Amino acid sequence: MAYSINDACISCGACESECPVSCITAGDSIYVIDEDTCIDCGACANVCPVDAPQQK
């Protein structure tokens, strides 16, 4: 299952640099994950200060 980023995202960018497959990008108001590219590693969830990345 892929991760997605919920509305709790504060756009700090911590997750983007941790992603080993570069599937996280800045969206209009929050960061977004390309679910087709996500390898479900959890690296983003481990560094997020507000627990915005969640498994789908």
Protein backbone atom coordinates (compact mmCIF):
# COMPACT_ATOMS: atom_id res chain seq x y z
CA MET A 1 0.00 0.00 0.00
CA ALA A 2 1.25 3.46 -0.85
CA TYR A 3 1.43 6.44 1.45
CA SER A 4 -0.51 9.65 1.01
CA ILE A 5 -0.17 12.98 2.79
CA ASN A 6 -3.17 14.30 4.69
CA ASP A 7 -4.28 17.86 5.45
CA ALA A 8 -2.18 17.97 8.64
CA CYS A 9 0.84 18.71 6.39
CA ILE A 10 2.58 21.96 7.31
CA SER A 11 4.69 22.01 4.11
CA CYS A 12 7.98 21.83 6.01
CA GLY A 13 9.62 19.70 3.29
CA ALA A 14 11.22 17.19 5.67
CA CYS A 15 9.66 14.25 3.83
CA GLU A 16 10.70 15.23 0.32
CA SER A 17 14.44 14.78 0.85
CA GLU A 18 13.96 11.47 2.72
CA CYS A 19 12.08 9.71 -0.08
CA PRO A 20 14.42 7.18 -1.78
CA VAL A 21 12.36 7.20 -5.01
CA SER A 22 11.64 10.95 -5.17
CA CYS A 23 7.87 10.53 -5.30
CA ILE A 24 7.11 13.48 -2.97
CA THR A 25 6.65 16.96 -4.40
CA ALA A 26 5.28 20.28 -3.22
CA GLY A 27 1.62 20.68 -4.11
CA ASP A 28 -0.50 23.82 -4.04
CA SER A 29 -0.93 23.87 -0.26
CA ILE A 30 0.60 20.60 1.01
CA TYR A 31 3.14 18.06 -0.19
CA VAL A 32 1.84 15.20 -2.32
CA ILE A 33 2.97 11.63 -2.95
CA ASP A 34 2.82 9.96 -6.36
CA GLU A 35 1.16 6.74 -5.22
CA ASP A 36 2.22 4.88 -8.38
CA THR A 37 5.88 5.51 -7.55
CA CYS A 38 5.72 5.12 -3.74
CA ILE A 39 7.45 1.93 -2.53
CA ASP A 40 5.77 1.99 0.91
CA CYS A 41 9.06 2.33 2.80
CA GLY A 42 7.78 4.75 5.47
CA ALA A 43 10.80 7.07 5.33
CA CYS A 44 8.51 10.07 4.98
CA ALA A 45 6.38 9.07 7.95
CA ASN A 46 9.49 8.64 10.12
CA VAL A 47 10.57 12.28 9.70
CA CYS A 48 7.23 14.11 9.56
CA PRO A 49 6.70 16.28 12.66
CA VAL A 50 2.89 16.19 12.31
CA ASP A 51 2.34 12.59 11.10
CA ALA A 52 0.85 13.71 7.80
CA PRO A 53 2.03 10.76 5.67
CA GLN A 54 -0.34 7.84 6.22
CA GLN A 55 -0.59 4.42 4.63
CA LYS A 56 -3.63 4.09 2.41
